[in-house]
């Protein structure tokens, strides 16, 4: 499994609007590509303008296909909400399952 993480700084007061764009435009665009698994968006507790968007893919090749074909339009959809550039990183998922805490 592979994850693509976007780190973005939203304009003041725009983090939740950016997250809505991630859901409506970004994840919807990802879902059109084979190999997309799921996605999440986070607003940082210590800096409410910092947003992370994470997309999960079956493999790096699927994520790369989206990066080349679909990502440019998605990035353009995020720009009205941004203060600065989008920082994109890829990660191999080392723990590809949901951790379940043992009941006490």
C-alpha atoms as a PDB file:
ATOM      1  CA  UNK A   1       0.000   0.000   0.000  1.00  0.00           C
ATOM      2  CA  UNK A   2       1.132   3.556  -0.727  1.00  0.00           C
ATOM      3  CA  UNK A   3       0.082   6.935   0.682  1.00  0.00           C
ATOM      4  CA  UNK A   4       0.367  10.370  -0.838  1.00  0.00           C
ATOM      5  CA  UNK A   5       0.387  13.187   1.739  1.00  0.00           C
ATOM      6  CA  UNK A   6      -0.271  16.814   0.910  1.00  0.00           C
ATOM      7  CA  UNK A   7       0.696  19.431   3.492  1.00  0.00           C
ATOM      8  CA  UNK A   8      -0.995  22.766   2.968  1.00  0.00           C
ATOM      9  CA  UNK A   9      -1.270  26.081   4.764  1.00  0.00           C
ATOM     10  CA  UNK A  10      -4.742  27.532   4.424  1.00  0.00           C
ATOM     11  CA  UNK A  11      -5.524  31.213   4.428  1.00  0.00           C
ATOM     12  CA  UNK A  12      -6.698  32.383   7.838  1.00  0.00           C
ATOM     13  CA  UNK A  13     -10.097  30.885   8.613  1.00  0.00           C
ATOM     14  CA  UNK A  14     -10.126  28.736   5.443  1.00  0.00           C
ATOM     15  CA  UNK A  15      -8.886  25.363   6.741  1.00  0.00           C
ATOM     16  CA  UNK A  16     -12.319  23.752   6.915  1.00  0.00           C
ATOM     17  CA  UNK A  17     -13.260  25.113   3.481  1.00  0.00           C
ATOM     18  CA  UNK A  18     -10.023  23.593   2.182  1.00  0.00           C
ATOM     19  CA  UNK A  19     -10.965  20.259   3.791  1.00  0.00           C
ATOM     20  CA  UNK A  20     -14.354  20.455   2.066  1.00  0.00           C
ATOM     21  CA  UNK A  21     -12.559  20.987  -1.261  1.00  0.00           C
ATOM     22  CA  UNK A  22     -10.347  17.999  -0.479  1.00  0.00           C
ATOM     23  CA  UNK A  23     -13.447  15.871   0.055  1.00  0.00           C
ATOM     24  CA  UNK A  24     -15.544  17.170  -2.835  1.00  0.00           C
ATOM     25  CA  UNK A  25     -12.868  17.681  -5.463  1.00  0.00           C
ATOM     26  CA  UNK A  26      -9.754  15.791  -4.407  1.00  0.00           C
ATOM     27  CA  UNK A  27     -11.103  12.518  -3.088  1.00  0.00           C
ATOM     28  CA  UNK A  28     -13.848  12.456  -5.713  1.00  0.00           C
ATOM     29  CA  UNK A  29     -11.175  12.770  -8.416  1.00  0.00           C
ATOM     30  CA  UNK A  30      -9.033  10.074  -6.770  1.00  0.00           C
ATOM     31  CA  UNK A  31     -12.010   7.716  -6.624  1.00  0.00           C
ATOM     32  CA  UNK A  32     -12.189   7.718 -10.429  1.00  0.00           C
ATOM     33  CA  UNK A  33      -8.785   6.015 -10.602  1.00  0.00           C
ATOM     34  CA  UNK A  34      -8.164   2.305 -10.220  1.00  0.00           C
ATOM     35  CA  UNK A  35      -6.149   1.563  -7.102  1.00  0.00           C
ATOM     36  CA  UNK A  36      -7.562   4.332  -4.909  1.00  0.00           C
ATOM     37  CA  UNK A  37      -8.417   2.985  -1.452  1.00  0.00           C
ATOM     38  CA  UNK A  38      -9.456   5.893   0.775  1.00  0.00           C
ATOM     39  CA  UNK A  39      -8.553   9.378   1.919  1.00  0.00           C
ATOM     40  CA  UNK A  40      -8.525  11.566   5.006  1.00  0.00           C
ATOM     41  CA  UNK A  41      -7.989  15.237   5.799  1.00  0.00           C
ATOM     42  CA  UNK A  42      -6.629  16.649   9.059  1.00  0.00           C
ATOM     43  CA  UNK A  43      -6.502  20.130  10.593  1.00  0.00           C
ATOM     44  CA  UNK A  44      -3.563  20.553  12.966  1.00  0.00           C
ATOM     45  CA  UNK A  45      -4.437  21.051  16.605  1.00  0.00           C
ATOM     46  CA  UNK A  46      -1.525  23.412  17.229  1.00  0.00           C
ATOM     47  CA  UNK A  47      -1.923  25.425  14.016  1.00  0.00           C
ATOM     48  CA  UNK A  48      -5.494  25.596  12.683  1.00  0.00           C
ATOM     49  CA  UNK A  49      -4.307  26.752   9.251  1.00  0.00           C
ATOM     50  CA  UNK A  50      -2.251  23.589   8.624  1.00  0.00           C
ATOM     51  CA  UNK A  51      -4.099  20.897   6.684  1.00  0.00           C
ATOM     52  CA  UNK A  52      -2.874  17.426   5.758  1.00  0.00           C
ATOM     53  CA  UNK A  53      -4.668  15.451   3.071  1.00  0.00           C
ATOM     54  CA  UNK A  54      -3.798  11.759   2.812  1.00  0.00           C
ATOM     55  CA  UNK A  55      -4.795   9.465  -0.022  1.00  0.00           C
ATOM     56  CA  UNK A  56      -4.237   5.715   0.195  1.00  0.00           C
ATOM     57  CA  UNK A  57      -3.508   3.652  -2.892  1.00  0.00           C
ATOM     58  CA  UNK A  58      -3.074  -0.049  -3.551  1.00  0.00           C
ATOM     59  CA  UNK A  59       0.389   0.682  -4.951  1.00  0.00           C
ATOM     60  CA  UNK A  60       2.781   3.453  -5.965  1.00  0.00           C
ATOM     61  CA  UNK A  61       1.959   3.018  -9.663  1.00  0.00           C
ATOM     62  CA  UNK A  62      -1.723   3.840  -9.099  1.00  0.00           C
ATOM     63  CA  UNK A  63      -0.803   6.945  -7.096  1.00  0.00           C
ATOM     64  CA  UNK A  64       1.657   8.035  -9.794  1.00  0.00           C
ATOM     65  CA  UNK A  65      -0.963   7.657 -12.528  1.00  0.00           C
ATOM     66  CA  UNK A  66      -3.263   9.983 -10.581  1.00  0.00           C
ATOM     67  CA  UNK A  67      -0.417  12.420  -9.846  1.00  0.00           C
ATOM     68  CA  UNK A  68       0.301  12.767 -13.545  1.00  0.00           C
ATOM     69  CA  UNK A  69      -3.248  12.773 -14.895  1.00  0.00           C
ATOM     70  CA  UNK A  70      -5.578  14.020 -12.155  1.00  0.00           C
ATOM     71  CA  UNK A  71      -3.576  15.954  -9.580  1.00  0.00           C
ATOM     72  CA  UNK A  72      -2.988  19.193 -11.550  1.00  0.00           C
ATOM     73  CA  UNK A  73      -6.728  19.960 -11.702  1.00  0.00           C
ATOM     74  CA  UNK A  74      -7.162  19.061  -8.032  1.00  0.00           C
ATOM     75  CA  UNK A  75      -4.286  21.338  -7.003  1.00  0.00           C
ATOM     76  CA  UNK A  76      -5.911  24.184  -8.955  1.00  0.00           C
ATOM     77  CA  UNK A  77      -9.155  23.619  -7.017  1.00  0.00           C
ATOM     78  CA  UNK A  78      -7.273  24.035  -3.718  1.00  0.00           C
ATOM     79  CA  UNK A  79      -5.422  27.259  -4.661  1.00  0.00           C
ATOM     80  CA  UNK A  80      -8.170  29.747  -3.656  1.00  0.00           C
ATOM     81  CA  UNK A  81      -7.906  28.459  -0.071  1.00  0.00           C
ATOM     82  CA  UNK A  82      -4.096  28.342   0.157  1.00  0.00           C
ATOM     83  CA  UNK A  83      -1.469  30.578   1.641  1.00  0.00           C
ATOM     84  CA  UNK A  84       1.628  29.179  -0.076  1.00  0.00           C
ATOM     85  CA  UNK A  85       2.463  26.052  -2.003  1.00  0.00           C
ATOM     86  CA  UNK A  86       1.329  22.467  -1.569  1.00  0.00           C
ATOM     87  CA  UNK A  87       4.034  20.133  -0.270  1.00  0.00           C
ATOM     88  CA  UNK A  88       3.561  16.607  -1.614  1.00  0.00           C
ATOM     89  CA  UNK A  89       5.268  13.483  -0.290  1.00  0.00           C
ATOM     90  CA  UNK A  90       4.832   9.787  -0.917  1.00  0.00           C
ATOM     91  CA  UNK A  91       5.121   7.013   1.657  1.00  0.00           C
ATOM     92  CA  UNK A  92       5.111   3.253   1.641  1.00  0.00           C
ATOM     93  CA  UNK A  93       2.511   2.230   4.215  1.00  0.00           C
ATOM     94  CA  UNK A  94       4.357   0.186   6.826  1.00  0.00           C
ATOM     95  CA  UNK A  95       1.311  -0.826   8.881  1.00  0.00           C
ATOM     96  CA  UNK A  96      -1.451  -1.451   6.324  1.00  0.00           C
ATOM     97  CA  UNK A  97      -4.236  -2.314   8.729  1.00  0.00           C
ATOM     98  CA  UNK A  98      -6.330  -0.745  11.391  1.00  0.00           C
ATOM     99  CA  UNK A  99      -4.836  -1.061  14.855  1.00  0.00           C
ATOM    100  CA  UNK A 100      -7.435  -2.221  17.329  1.00  0.00           C
ATOM    101  CA  UNK A 101      -6.820  -1.528  20.967  1.00  0.00           C
ATOM    102  CA  UNK A 102      -7.389  -4.465  23.293  1.00  0.00           C
ATOM    103  CA  UNK A 103     -10.373  -4.013  25.544  1.00  0.00           C
ATOM    104  CA  UNK A 104      -9.328  -3.423  29.140  1.00  0.00           C
END
